[in-house]
């Protein structure tokens, strides 16, 4: 594996991990703040779906990095 590919894989992995951390922090905050300010449940569902989308994206990127490292 070349150094350039290794840097690219490392960067993709870091981006995926940041997406996971930021998604979970926002999701936890939304679950705590939503009822405190009286937001309807549909907004909580919207946040849940956004979090699921972000986590699926991070999973796909992680699998791409894993397969690329395995193949090289």
PDB file of N, CA and C in Angstrom:
ATOM      1  N   UNK A   1       0.853  -1.172   0.000  1.00  0.00           N
ATOM      2  CA  UNK A   1       0.000   0.000   0.000  1.00  0.00           C
ATOM      3  C   UNK A   1       0.901   1.236   0.000  1.00  0.00           C
ATOM      4  N   UNK A   2       0.589   2.164  -0.857  1.00  0.00           N
ATOM      5  CA  UNK A   2       1.390   3.379  -0.927  1.00  0.00           C
ATOM      6  C   UNK A   2       1.046   4.315   0.232  1.00  0.00           C
ATOM      7  N   UNK A   3       1.950   5.215   0.501  1.00  0.00           N
ATOM      8  CA  UNK A   3       1.740   6.171   1.579  1.00  0.00           C
ATOM      9  C   UNK A   3       0.547   7.078   1.329  1.00  0.00           C
ATOM     10  N   UNK A   4       0.331   7.408   0.064  1.00  0.00           N
ATOM     11  CA  UNK A   4      -0.795   8.289  -0.287  1.00  0.00           C
ATOM     12  C   UNK A   4      -2.137   7.592  -0.036  1.00  0.00           C
ATOM     13  N   UNK A   5      -2.233   6.324  -0.396  1.00  0.00           N
ATOM     14  CA  UNK A   5      -3.467   5.571  -0.149  1.00  0.00           C
ATOM     15  C   UNK A   5      -3.710   5.409   1.343  1.00  0.00           C
ATOM     16  N   UNK A   6      -2.632   5.167   2.084  1.00  0.00           N
ATOM     17  CA  UNK A   6      -2.770   5.002   3.534  1.00  0.00           C
ATOM     18  C   UNK A   6      -3.279   6.295   4.179  1.00  0.00           C
ATOM     19  N   UNK A   7      -2.766   7.437   3.714  1.00  0.00           N
ATOM     20  CA  UNK A   7      -3.237   8.728   4.236  1.00  0.00           C
ATOM     21  C   UNK A   7      -4.712   8.953   3.896  1.00  0.00           C
ATOM     22  N   UNK A   8      -5.090   8.557   2.679  1.00  0.00           N
ATOM     23  CA  UNK A   8      -6.486   8.729   2.267  1.00  0.00           C
ATOM     24  C   UNK A   8      -7.409   7.858   3.115  1.00  0.00           C
ATOM     25  N   UNK A   9      -7.005   6.615   3.357  1.00  0.00           N
ATOM     26  CA  UNK A   9      -7.813   5.723   4.189  1.00  0.00           C
ATOM     27  C   UNK A   9      -7.902   6.246   5.617  1.00  0.00           C
ATOM     28  N   UNK A  10      -6.796   6.742   6.120  1.00  0.00           N
ATOM     29  CA  UNK A  10      -6.787   7.292   7.475  1.00  0.00           C
ATOM     30  C   UNK A  10      -7.730   8.490   7.562  1.00  0.00           C
ATOM     31  N   UNK A  11      -7.683   9.351   6.560  1.00  0.00           N
ATOM     32  CA  UNK A  11      -8.550  10.536   6.557  1.00  0.00           C
ATOM     33  C   UNK A  11     -10.024  10.136   6.505  1.00  0.00           C
ATOM     34  N   UNK A  12     -10.357   9.179   5.646  1.00  0.00           N
ATOM     35  CA  UNK A  12     -11.746   8.720   5.563  1.00  0.00           C
ATOM     36  C   UNK A  12     -12.206   8.126   6.884  1.00  0.00           C
ATOM     37  N   UNK A  13     -11.337   7.365   7.537  1.00  0.00           N
ATOM     38  CA  UNK A  13     -11.685   6.789   8.830  1.00  0.00           C
ATOM     39  C   UNK A  13     -11.903   7.853   9.888  1.00  0.00           C
ATOM     40  N   UNK A  14     -11.071   8.887   9.867  1.00  0.00           N
ATOM     41  CA  UNK A  14     -11.228   9.977  10.826  1.00  0.00           C
ATOM     42  C   UNK A  14     -12.526  10.738  10.587  1.00  0.00           C
ATOM     43  N   UNK A  15     -12.861  10.965   9.335  1.00  0.00           N
ATOM     44  CA  UNK A  15     -14.110  11.664   9.016  1.00  0.00           C
ATOM     45  C   UNK A  15     -15.303  10.834   9.483  1.00  0.00           C
ATOM     46  N   UNK A  16     -15.262   9.530   9.227  1.00  0.00           N
ATOM     47  CA  UNK A  16     -16.360   8.660   9.657  1.00  0.00           C
ATOM     48  C   UNK A  16     -16.494   8.670  11.177  1.00  0.00           C
ATOM     49  N   UNK A  17     -15.373   8.634  11.885  1.00  0.00           N
ATOM     50  CA  UNK A  17     -15.448   8.639  13.352  1.00  0.00           C
ATOM     51  C   UNK A  17     -15.977   9.975  13.872  1.00  0.00           C
ATOM     52  N   UNK A  18     -15.581  11.068  13.253  1.00  0.00           N
ATOM     53  CA  UNK A  18     -16.111  12.377  13.659  1.00  0.00           C
ATOM     54  C   UNK A  18     -17.616  12.460  13.412  1.00  0.00           C
ATOM     55  N   UNK A  19     -18.072  11.921  12.292  1.00  0.00           N
ATOM     56  CA  UNK A  19     -19.503  11.927  11.994  1.00  0.00           C
ATOM     57  C   UNK A  19     -20.260  11.140  13.060  1.00  0.00           C
ATOM     58  N   UNK A  20     -19.713   9.995  13.465  1.00  0.00           N
ATOM     59  CA  UNK A  20     -20.371   9.187  14.493  1.00  0.00           C
ATOM     60  C   UNK A  20     -20.449   9.952  15.808  1.00  0.00           C
ATOM     61  N   UNK A  21     -19.339  10.535  16.232  1.00  0.00           N
ATOM     62  CA  UNK A  21     -19.310  11.248  17.518  1.00  0.00           C
ATOM     63  C   UNK A  21     -20.245  12.453  17.499  1.00  0.00           C
ATOM     64  N   UNK A  22     -20.156  13.257  16.454  1.00  0.00           N
ATOM     65  CA  UNK A  22     -20.982  14.461  16.381  1.00  0.00           C
ATOM     66  C   UNK A  22     -22.466  14.094  16.285  1.00  0.00           C
ATOM     67  N   UNK A  23     -22.772  13.053  15.508  1.00  0.00           N
ATOM     68  CA  UNK A  23     -24.161  12.601  15.386  1.00  0.00           C
ATOM     69  C   UNK A  23     -24.719  12.196  16.733  1.00  0.00           C
ATOM     70  N   UNK A  24     -23.964  11.414  17.476  1.00  0.00           N
ATOM     71  CA  UNK A  24     -24.464  10.942  18.765  1.00  0.00           C
ATOM     72  C   UNK A  24     -24.606  12.090  19.770  1.00  0.00           C
ATOM     73  N   UNK A  25     -23.682  13.044  19.747  1.00  0.00           N
ATOM     74  CA  UNK A  25     -23.798  14.190  20.653  1.00  0.00           C
ATOM     75  C   UNK A  25     -25.037  15.026  20.335  1.00  0.00           C
ATOM     76  N   UNK A  26     -25.266  15.258  19.049  1.00  0.00           N
ATOM     77  CA  UNK A  26     -26.448  16.025  18.654  1.00  0.00           C
ATOM     78  C   UNK A  26     -27.717  15.255  18.991  1.00  0.00           C
ATOM     79  N   UNK A  27     -27.705  13.942  18.756  1.00  0.00           N
ATOM     80  CA  UNK A  27     -28.894  13.129  19.043  1.00  0.00           C
ATOM     81  C   UNK A  27     -29.218  13.122  20.533  1.00  0.00           C
ATOM     82  N   UNK A  28     -28.189  12.945  21.364  1.00  0.00           N
ATOM     83  CA  UNK A  28     -28.405  12.954  22.815  1.00  0.00           C
ATOM     84  C   UNK A  28     -28.921  14.317  23.272  1.00  0.00           C
ATOM     85  N   UNK A  29     -28.322  15.384  22.751  1.00  0.00           N
ATOM     86  CA  UNK A  29     -28.762  16.731  23.123  1.00  0.00           C
ATOM     87  C   UNK A  29     -30.207  16.972  22.692  1.00  0.00           C
ATOM     88  N   UNK A  30     -30.547  16.507  21.494  1.00  0.00           N
ATOM     89  CA  UNK A  30     -31.920  16.705  21.006  1.00  0.00           C
ATOM     90  C   UNK A  30     -32.925  15.917  21.846  1.00  0.00           C
ATOM     91  N   UNK A  31     -32.548  14.727  22.288  1.00  0.00           N
ATOM     92  CA  UNK A  31     -33.445  13.925  23.124  1.00  0.00           C
ATOM     93  C   UNK A  31     -33.651  14.561  24.495  1.00  0.00           C
ATOM     94  N   UNK A  32     -32.671  15.299  24.940  1.00  0.00           N
ATOM     95  CA  UNK A  32     -32.765  15.952  26.245  1.00  0.00           C
ATOM     96  C   UNK A  32     -33.471  17.305  26.133  1.00  0.00           C
ATOM     97  N   UNK A  33     -33.131  18.070  25.098  1.00  0.00           N
ATOM     98  CA  UNK A  33     -33.667  19.428  24.945  1.00  0.00           C
ATOM     99  C   UNK A  33     -35.114  19.410  24.433  1.00  0.00           C
ATOM    100  N   UNK A  34     -35.441  18.477  23.550  1.00  0.00           N
ATOM    101  CA  UNK A  34     -36.775  18.435  22.949  1.00  0.00           C
ATOM    102  C   UNK A  34     -37.903  18.461  23.956  1.00  0.00           C
ATOM    103  N   UNK A  35     -37.953  17.504  24.882  1.00  0.00           N
ATOM    104  CA  UNK A  35     -39.040  17.528  25.872  1.00  0.00           C
ATOM    105  C   UNK A  35     -38.953  18.718  26.830  1.00  0.00           C
ATOM    106  N   UNK A  36     -37.747  19.197  27.076  1.00  0.00           N
ATOM    107  CA  UNK A  36     -37.585  20.321  28.005  1.00  0.00           C
ATOM    108  C   UNK A  36     -38.221  21.598  27.465  1.00  0.00           C
ATOM    109  N   UNK A  37     -38.202  21.766  26.137  1.00  0.00           N
ATOM    110  CA  UNK A  37     -38.794  22.968  25.546  1.00  0.00           C
ATOM    111  C   UNK A  37     -40.174  22.701  24.958  1.00  0.00           C
ATOM    112  N   UNK A  38     -40.638  21.458  25.072  1.00  0.00           N
ATOM    113  CA  UNK A  38     -41.987  21.127  24.641  1.00  0.00           C
ATOM    114  C   UNK A  38     -42.161  20.893  23.152  1.00  0.00           C
ATOM    115  N   UNK A  39     -41.117  20.432  22.467  1.00  0.00           N
ATOM    116  CA  UNK A  39     -41.249  20.140  21.042  1.00  0.00           C
ATOM    117  C   UNK A  39     -42.092  18.878  20.837  1.00  0.00           C
ATOM    118  N   UNK A  40     -42.898  18.860  19.787  1.00  0.00           N
ATOM    119  CA  UNK A  40     -43.695  17.661  19.501  1.00  0.00           C
ATOM    120  C   UNK A  40     -42.804  16.459  19.156  1.00  0.00           C
ATOM    121  N   UNK A  41     -43.377  15.277  19.316  1.00  0.00           N
ATOM    122  CA  UNK A  41     -42.642  14.055  19.067  1.00  0.00           C
ATOM    123  C   UNK A  41     -42.188  13.892  17.631  1.00  0.00           C
ATOM    124  N   UNK A  42     -42.861  14.531  16.693  1.00  0.00           N
ATOM    125  CA  UNK A  42     -42.458  14.385  15.289  1.00  0.00           C
ATOM    126  C   UNK A  42     -41.075  14.974  15.040  1.00  0.00           C
ATOM    127  N   UNK A  43     -40.685  15.973  15.820  1.00  0.00           N
ATOM    128  CA  UNK A  43     -39.339  16.523  15.670  1.00  0.00           C
ATOM    129  C   UNK A  43     -38.290  15.553  16.204  1.00  0.00           C
ATOM    130  N   UNK A  44     -38.634  14.843  17.255  1.00  0.00           N
ATOM    131  CA  UNK A  44     -37.729  13.812  17.766  1.00  0.00           C
ATOM    132  C   UNK A  44     -37.552  12.715  16.721  1.00  0.00           C
ATOM    133  N   UNK A  45     -38.628  12.365  16.043  1.00  0.00           N
ATOM    134  CA  UNK A  45     -38.551  11.359  14.992  1.00  0.00           C
ATOM    135  C   UNK A  45     -37.685  11.849  13.835  1.00  0.00           C
ATOM    136  N   UNK A  46     -37.802  13.120  13.506  1.00  0.00           N
ATOM    137  CA  UNK A  46     -36.968  13.705  12.450  1.00  0.00           C
ATOM    138  C   UNK A  46     -35.488  13.635  12.823  1.00  0.00           C
ATOM    139  N   UNK A  47     -35.170  13.949  14.067  1.00  0.00           N
ATOM    140  CA  UNK A  47     -33.784  13.862  14.534  1.00  0.00           C
ATOM    141  C   UNK A  47     -33.313  12.420  14.517  1.00  0.00           C
ATOM    142  N   UNK A  48     -34.183  11.499  14.893  1.00  0.00           N
ATOM    143  CA  UNK A  48     -33.827  10.075  14.865  1.00  0.00           C
ATOM    144  C   UNK A  48     -33.489   9.621  13.448  1.00  0.00           C
ATOM    145  N   UNK A  49     -34.306   9.993  12.486  1.00  0.00           N
ATOM    146  CA  UNK A  49     -34.051   9.595  11.104  1.00  0.00           C
ATOM    147  C   UNK A  49     -32.771  10.225  10.566  1.00  0.00           C
ATOM    148  N   UNK A  50     -32.506  11.470  10.924  1.00  0.00           N
ATOM    149  CA  UNK A  50     -31.261  12.110  10.500  1.00  0.00           C
ATOM    150  C   UNK A  50     -30.056  11.389  11.104  1.00  0.00           C
ATOM    151  N   UNK A  51     -30.164  11.005  12.366  1.00  0.00           N
ATOM    152  CA  UNK A  51     -29.071  10.284  13.019  1.00  0.00           C
ATOM    153  C   UNK A  51     -28.863   8.926  12.369  1.00  0.00           C
ATOM    154  N   UNK A  52     -29.940   8.233  12.053  1.00  0.00           N
ATOM    155  CA  UNK A  52     -29.818   6.938  11.385  1.00  0.00           C
ATOM    156  C   UNK A  52     -29.130   7.101  10.030  1.00  0.00           C
ATOM    157  N   UNK A  53     -29.504   8.128   9.295  1.00  0.00           N
ATOM    158  CA  UNK A  53     -28.876   8.385   8.000  1.00  0.00           C
ATOM    159  C   UNK A  53     -27.380   8.648   8.128  1.00  0.00           C
ATOM    160  N   UNK A  54     -27.004   9.457   9.108  1.00  0.00           N
ATOM    161  CA  UNK A  54     -25.587   9.763   9.303  1.00  0.00           C
ATOM    162  C   UNK A  54     -24.805   8.521   9.729  1.00  0.00           C
ATOM    163  N   UNK A  55     -25.399   7.693  10.583  1.00  0.00           N
ATOM    164  CA  UNK A  55     -24.711   6.487  11.033  1.00  0.00           C
ATOM    165  C   UNK A  55     -24.592   5.453   9.912  1.00  0.00           C
ATOM    166  N   UNK A  56     -25.589   5.365   9.057  1.00  0.00           N
ATOM    167  CA  UNK A  56     -25.492   4.461   7.902  1.00  0.00           C
ATOM    168  C   UNK A  56     -24.393   4.945   6.964  1.00  0.00           C
ATOM    169  N   UNK A  57     -24.319   6.237   6.737  1.00  0.00           N
ATOM    170  CA  UNK A  57     -23.254   6.783   5.894  1.00  0.00           C
ATOM    171  C   UNK A  57     -21.886   6.449   6.482  1.00  0.00           C
ATOM    172  N   UNK A  58     -21.724   6.633   7.792  1.00  0.00           N
ATOM    173  CA  UNK A  58     -20.450   6.332   8.437  1.00  0.00           C
ATOM    174  C   UNK A  58     -20.120   4.842   8.331  1.00  0.00           C
ATOM    175  N   UNK A  59     -21.126   3.990   8.432  1.00  0.00           N
ATOM    176  CA  UNK A  59     -20.902   2.555   8.286  1.00  0.00           C
ATOM    177  C   UNK A  59     -20.428   2.218   6.882  1.00  0.00           C
ATOM    178  N   UNK A  60     -21.055   2.808   5.882  1.00  0.00           N
ATOM    179  CA  UNK A  60     -20.661   2.559   4.491  1.00  0.00           C
ATOM    180  C   UNK A  60     -19.220   3.018   4.254  1.00  0.00           C
ATOM    181  N   UNK A  61     -18.861   4.188   4.728  1.00  0.00           N
ATOM    182  CA  UNK A  61     -17.494   4.683   4.562  1.00  0.00           C
ATOM    183  C   UNK A  61     -16.500   3.782   5.287  1.00  0.00           C
ATOM    184  N   UNK A  62     -16.842   3.352   6.489  1.00  0.00           N
ATOM    185  CA  UNK A  62     -15.965   2.466   7.247  1.00  0.00           C
ATOM    186  C   UNK A  62     -15.763   1.145   6.511  1.00  0.00           C
ATOM    187  N   UNK A  63     -16.830   0.588   5.950  1.00  0.00           N
ATOM    188  CA  UNK A  63     -16.707  -0.650   5.190  1.00  0.00           C
ATOM    189  C   UNK A  63     -15.864  -0.448   3.930  1.00  0.00           C
ATOM    190  N   UNK A  64     -15.999   0.694   3.281  1.00  0.00           N
ATOM    191  CA  UNK A  64     -15.174   0.981   2.109  1.00  0.00           C
ATOM    192  C   UNK A  64     -13.697   1.039   2.476  1.00  0.00           C
ATOM    193  N   UNK A  65     -13.378   1.690   3.596  1.00  0.00           N
ATOM    194  CA  UNK A  65     -11.987   1.772   4.039  1.00  0.00           C
ATOM    195  C   UNK A  65     -11.471   0.388   4.389  1.00  0.00           C
ATOM    196  N   UNK A  66     -12.277  -0.389   5.084  1.00  0.00           N
ATOM    197  CA  UNK A  66     -11.859  -1.724   5.488  1.00  0.00           C
ATOM    198  C   UNK A  66     -11.576  -2.609   4.269  1.00  0.00           C
ATOM    199  N   UNK A  67     -12.474  -2.566   3.278  1.00  0.00           N
ATOM    200  CA  UNK A  67     -12.285  -3.374   2.080  1.00  0.00           C
ATOM    201  C   UNK A  67     -11.081  -2.900   1.268  1.00  0.00           C
ATOM    202  N   UNK A  68     -10.873  -1.586   1.194  1.00  0.00           N
ATOM    203  CA  UNK A  68      -9.732  -1.066   0.440  1.00  0.00           C
ATOM    204  C   UNK A  68      -8.423  -1.473   1.105  1.00  0.00           C
ATOM    205  N   UNK A  69      -8.361  -1.430   2.416  1.00  0.00           N
ATOM    206  CA  UNK A  69      -7.139  -1.853   3.119  1.00  0.00           C
ATOM    207  C   UNK A  69      -6.924  -3.352   2.983  1.00  0.00           C
ATOM    208  N   UNK A  70      -8.008  -4.112   3.026  1.00  0.00           N
ATOM    209  CA  UNK A  70      -7.903  -5.561   2.913  1.00  0.00           C
ATOM    210  C   UNK A  70      -7.411  -5.957   1.518  1.00  0.00           C
ATOM    211  N   UNK A  71      -7.886  -5.261   0.488  1.00  0.00           N
ATOM    212  CA  UNK A  71      -7.543  -5.597  -0.888  1.00  0.00           C
ATOM    213  C   UNK A  71      -6.134  -5.155  -1.266  1.00  0.00           C
ATOM    214  N   UNK A  72      -5.576  -4.213  -0.565  1.00  0.00           N
ATOM    215  CA  UNK A  72      -4.256  -3.709  -0.958  1.00  0.00           C
ATOM    216  C   UNK A  72      -3.120  -4.294  -0.165  1.00  0.00           C
TER     217      UNK A  72
END
